[in-house]
Protein backbone atom coordinates (compact mmCIF):
# COMPACT_ATOMS: atom_id res chain seq x y z
CA MET A 1 0.00 0.00 0.00
CA HIS A 2 2.83 2.36 0.87
CA LEU A 3 4.44 1.76 -2.54
CA ASN A 4 1.11 2.28 -4.32
CA ALA A 5 0.57 5.55 -2.50
CA LYS A 6 4.02 6.77 -3.56
CA LEU A 7 3.38 5.77 -7.17
CA LYS A 8 0.09 7.67 -7.11
CA GLU A 9 1.84 10.76 -5.78
CA TYR A 10 4.52 10.50 -8.47
CA GLY A 11 1.81 10.07 -11.07
CA LYS A 12 -0.03 13.19 -9.85
CA SER A 13 3.21 15.17 -9.88
CA LEU A 14 3.96 14.10 -13.45
CA ILE A 15 0.46 15.04 -14.59
CA ILE A 16 0.71 18.46 -12.93
CA ALA A 17 4.15 19.00 -14.48
CA ALA A 18 2.80 18.00 -17.91
CA VAL A 19 -0.15 20.39 -17.57
CA ILE A 20 2.16 23.26 -16.57
CA ALA A 21 4.53 22.47 -19.46
CA PHE A 22 1.58 22.35 -21.86
CA PHE A 23 0.33 25.72 -20.64
CA LEU A 24 3.76 27.33 -20.86
CA ARG A 25 4.45 25.88 -24.31
CA SER A 26 1.01 26.86 -25.64
CA PHE A 27 0.67 30.37 -24.24
CA VAL A 28 3.83 31.73 -22.64
CA VAL A 29 7.21 30.67 -23.98
CA GLU A 30 8.58 28.51 -26.77
CA ALA A 31 12.09 27.31 -27.53
CA PHE A 32 13.47 27.97 -31.01
CA ASN A 33 16.82 27.18 -32.59
CA ILE A 34 18.57 28.96 -35.46
CA PRO A 35 18.96 26.66 -38.49
CA SER A 36 20.46 29.12 -41.01
CA GLY A 37 22.76 32.11 -41.26
CA SER A 38 20.13 34.65 -42.38
CA MET A 39 20.34 36.59 -39.09
CA GLU A 40 24.13 36.64 -38.76
CA PRO A 41 25.96 38.15 -37.02
CA THR A 42 23.14 38.86 -34.52
CA LEU A 43 22.10 35.20 -34.36
CA LEU A 44 24.28 32.27 -35.35
CA VAL A 45 23.50 28.76 -36.53
CA GLY A 46 23.25 26.70 -33.34
CA ASP A 47 21.82 29.49 -31.16
CA TYR A 48 18.87 28.44 -28.99
CA LEU A 49 16.29 31.08 -28.11
CA LEU A 50 13.29 31.59 -25.89
CA VAL A 51 10.37 33.18 -27.72
CA ASN A 52 7.76 35.15 -25.77
CA ARG A 53 4.41 33.94 -27.14
CA LEU A 54 2.58 36.67 -25.20
CA SER A 55 4.31 39.49 -27.06
CA TYR A 56 1.69 40.13 -29.72
CA VAL A 57 -1.16 37.60 -29.92
CA VAL A 58 -2.73 34.75 -27.95
CA LYS A 59 -3.72 31.78 -30.09
CA VAL A 60 -5.73 28.61 -29.65
CA PRO A 61 -3.11 25.96 -28.71
CA PHE A 62 -1.50 24.24 -31.72
CA THR A 63 -3.39 26.41 -34.20
CA ASP A 64 -2.95 29.87 -35.74
CA ARG A 65 -6.40 31.02 -34.69
CA VAL A 66 -5.97 34.27 -32.75
CA LEU A 67 -8.00 34.56 -29.54
CA PHE A 68 -7.04 38.18 -28.92
CA ASN A 69 -4.33 40.74 -29.66
CA ILE A 70 -1.91 41.92 -27.00
CA GLY A 71 0.46 44.24 -28.85
CA SER A 72 2.15 44.90 -32.16
CA PRO A 73 5.74 44.41 -33.32
CA LYS A 74 7.83 47.54 -33.66
CA PRO A 75 10.52 48.10 -36.27
CA GLY A 76 13.65 46.53 -34.87
CA ASP A 77 11.88 43.64 -33.10
CA THR A 78 13.22 40.15 -33.83
CA VAL A 79 10.18 37.95 -34.42
CA VAL A 80 9.42 34.29 -35.01
CA PHE A 81 6.53 33.60 -37.38
CA ARG A 82 4.92 30.96 -39.54
CA PHE A 83 6.49 31.08 -42.98
CA PRO A 84 3.72 32.60 -45.15
CA LEU A 85 4.30 30.09 -47.97
CA ASP A 86 4.37 27.05 -45.67
CA HIS A 87 2.89 27.30 -42.17
CA SER A 88 4.60 24.09 -41.11
CA LYS A 89 7.88 26.06 -40.96
CA ASP A 90 8.88 28.78 -38.50
CA PHE A 91 11.14 31.65 -39.62
CA ILE A 92 12.92 34.35 -37.64
CA LYS A 93 13.62 37.84 -39.02
CA ARG A 94 13.72 41.48 -37.96
CA VAL A 95 10.73 43.77 -38.46
CA VAL A 96 11.64 46.63 -40.77
CA ALA A 97 8.25 48.22 -41.48
CA LYS A 98 4.68 47.88 -40.20
CA GLY A 99 1.21 48.26 -41.70
CA GLY A 100 0.72 51.63 -43.39
CA ASP A 101 4.44 52.28 -43.85
CA THR A 102 5.90 52.84 -47.31
CA LEU A 103 9.18 50.97 -47.76
CA GLU A 104 11.82 51.28 -50.42
CA ILE A 105 15.33 49.86 -50.78
CA ARG A 106 17.78 51.83 -52.92
CA ASP A 107 21.35 50.60 -53.38
CA LYS A 108 21.05 48.37 -50.27
CA VAL A 109 19.79 51.27 -48.11
CA VAL A 110 16.35 50.90 -46.52
CA TYR A 111 13.97 53.87 -46.45
CA VAL A 112 10.70 53.88 -44.51
CA ASN A 113 8.23 56.67 -45.23
CA GLY A 114 10.94 58.49 -47.14
CA LEU A 115 13.45 58.44 -44.27
CA LYS A 116 16.55 56.31 -43.97
CA ALA A 117 15.77 53.49 -41.52
CA ASP A 118 17.87 52.57 -38.49
CA ASP A 119 19.68 49.69 -40.14
CA SER A 120 22.68 49.44 -37.83
CA ARG A 121 22.31 45.67 -37.34
CA ALA A 122 22.37 44.90 -41.07
CA ARG A 123 25.48 43.27 -42.51
CA PHE A 124 26.53 42.83 -46.13
CA SER A 125 28.89 40.25 -47.58
CA ASP A 126 28.70 41.44 -51.18
CA ASP A 127 29.51 44.94 -52.46
CA THR A 128 27.79 44.31 -55.79
CA ASP A 129 24.66 46.42 -56.25
CA ILE A 130 22.17 44.34 -58.26
CA PRO A 131 19.48 46.28 -60.16
CA ALA A 132 15.84 45.55 -59.36
CA PHE A 133 15.06 43.99 -62.74
CA LEU A 134 17.51 41.20 -61.90
CA SER A 135 16.80 40.77 -58.18
CA PHE A 136 14.99 42.53 -55.33
CA LYS A 137 17.95 41.98 -53.00
CA ASP A 138 19.50 45.47 -53.26
CA ASN A 139 16.75 47.54 -54.89
CA PHE A 140 13.08 47.10 -54.06
CA GLY A 141 9.81 49.00 -54.06
CA PRO A 142 8.46 51.37 -53.09
CA VAL A 143 5.62 49.33 -51.55
CA THR A 144 3.06 50.18 -48.88
CA VAL A 145 2.74 47.54 -46.18
CA PRO A 146 -0.89 46.38 -45.80
CA SER A 147 -2.77 46.82 -42.52
CA ASP A 148 -1.92 44.20 -39.87
CA CYS A 149 1.10 43.07 -41.89
CA TYR A 150 4.86 43.45 -41.50
CA PHE A 151 7.87 43.67 -43.79
CA VAL A 152 10.71 41.60 -42.34
CA MET A 153 14.34 41.12 -43.30
CA GLY A 154 17.30 39.09 -42.12
CA ASP A 155 20.28 40.95 -40.70
CA ASN A 156 22.52 39.04 -43.12
CA ARG A 157 21.11 41.05 -46.02
CA ASP A 158 22.92 39.34 -48.87
CA ASN A 159 21.97 35.86 -47.64
CA SER A 160 18.39 36.08 -46.39
CA LEU A 161 15.14 34.80 -47.86
CA ASP A 162 12.71 37.41 -46.56
CA SER A 163 9.90 39.84 -47.44
CA ARG A 164 11.84 41.11 -50.43
CA PHE A 165 11.20 37.76 -52.12
CA TRP A 166 7.99 36.26 -50.66
CA GLY A 167 6.00 39.20 -49.31
CA PHE A 168 4.53 40.31 -46.00
CA VAL A 169 3.95 38.57 -42.67
CA ARG A 170 0.37 38.79 -41.38
CA LYS A 171 -0.21 39.40 -37.69
CA ASP A 172 -1.96 36.04 -37.28
CA GLU A 173 1.24 34.36 -38.54
CA LEU A 174 3.31 35.74 -35.66
CA VAL A 175 4.51 33.28 -33.00
CA GLY A 176 6.21 35.80 -30.73
CA LYS A 177 9.21 37.97 -30.00
CA ALA A 178 12.64 36.39 -29.57
CA GLU A 179 13.81 37.47 -26.12
CA VAL A 180 16.70 35.45 -24.68
CA LEU A 181 19.55 33.39 -26.08
CA TYR A 182 19.77 30.54 -23.56
CA PHE A 183 22.29 28.25 -25.28
CA SER A 184 24.63 28.28 -28.27
CA TYR A 185 26.36 25.32 -29.90
CA ASP A 186 28.90 25.45 -32.73
CA HIS A 187 28.47 22.20 -34.66
CA SER A 188 31.64 22.85 -36.67
CA ALA A 189 33.91 23.04 -33.60
CA ASP A 190 35.46 20.21 -31.63
CA LEU A 191 33.62 18.99 -28.54
CA LEU A 192 35.78 20.96 -26.12
CA HIS A 193 35.06 24.29 -27.84
CA SER A 194 31.58 23.63 -29.23
CA VAL A 195 29.60 25.54 -26.59
CA ARG A 196 29.70 29.30 -27.15
CA TRP A 197 29.58 30.24 -23.46
CA GLY A 198 30.01 33.95 -24.18
CA ARG A 199 26.62 34.05 -25.95
CA VAL A 200 24.60 32.22 -23.29
CA GLY A 201 22.10 34.38 -21.40
CA HIS A 202 22.19 37.36 -23.76
CA LEU A 203 19.07 39.37 -24.46
CA ILE A 204 18.28 39.52 -28.17
CA ARG A 205 18.44 43.01 -29.68
């Protein structure tokens, strides 16, 4: 009987822990890892992040149905969202412009509503300026962002598949704001040097 009572207590504890984990995962926080270099040097392949799911919208668990809005992304926010062309994939990019803004890229420089945007986190690996009729990478627009939509770009501007190529992110496609880098692992390094300890615990800017 004593053993059965202990097993029941363990079982209750596991159920409670599972319920709490389900609640946190569904509504509060979600772990996300960086699979590509599109946000370098801000975020590296092998970085592990915590995403605040209460930043912008609350959704029905495991769906994209929005229950209610909490806030809106601001230019400069790093956001995780459902890839508009395939909702089974999550992407991470930086918000550059919001609904109602007019955006234009001229010779790699971003302008929002006619003013040069704060683009200090952007990095370029290629000095070549490609004209718009060949690619939207360096010259784009002008376009006006639709209501409740966002124009997003990777910080690694010459190596990012983003709104320049597939369009806008709708608000109901947002997962949340990337807040904290809680672990970082360099898969190309040897085991002794694989953990990037200097990146662990950093707030994402």
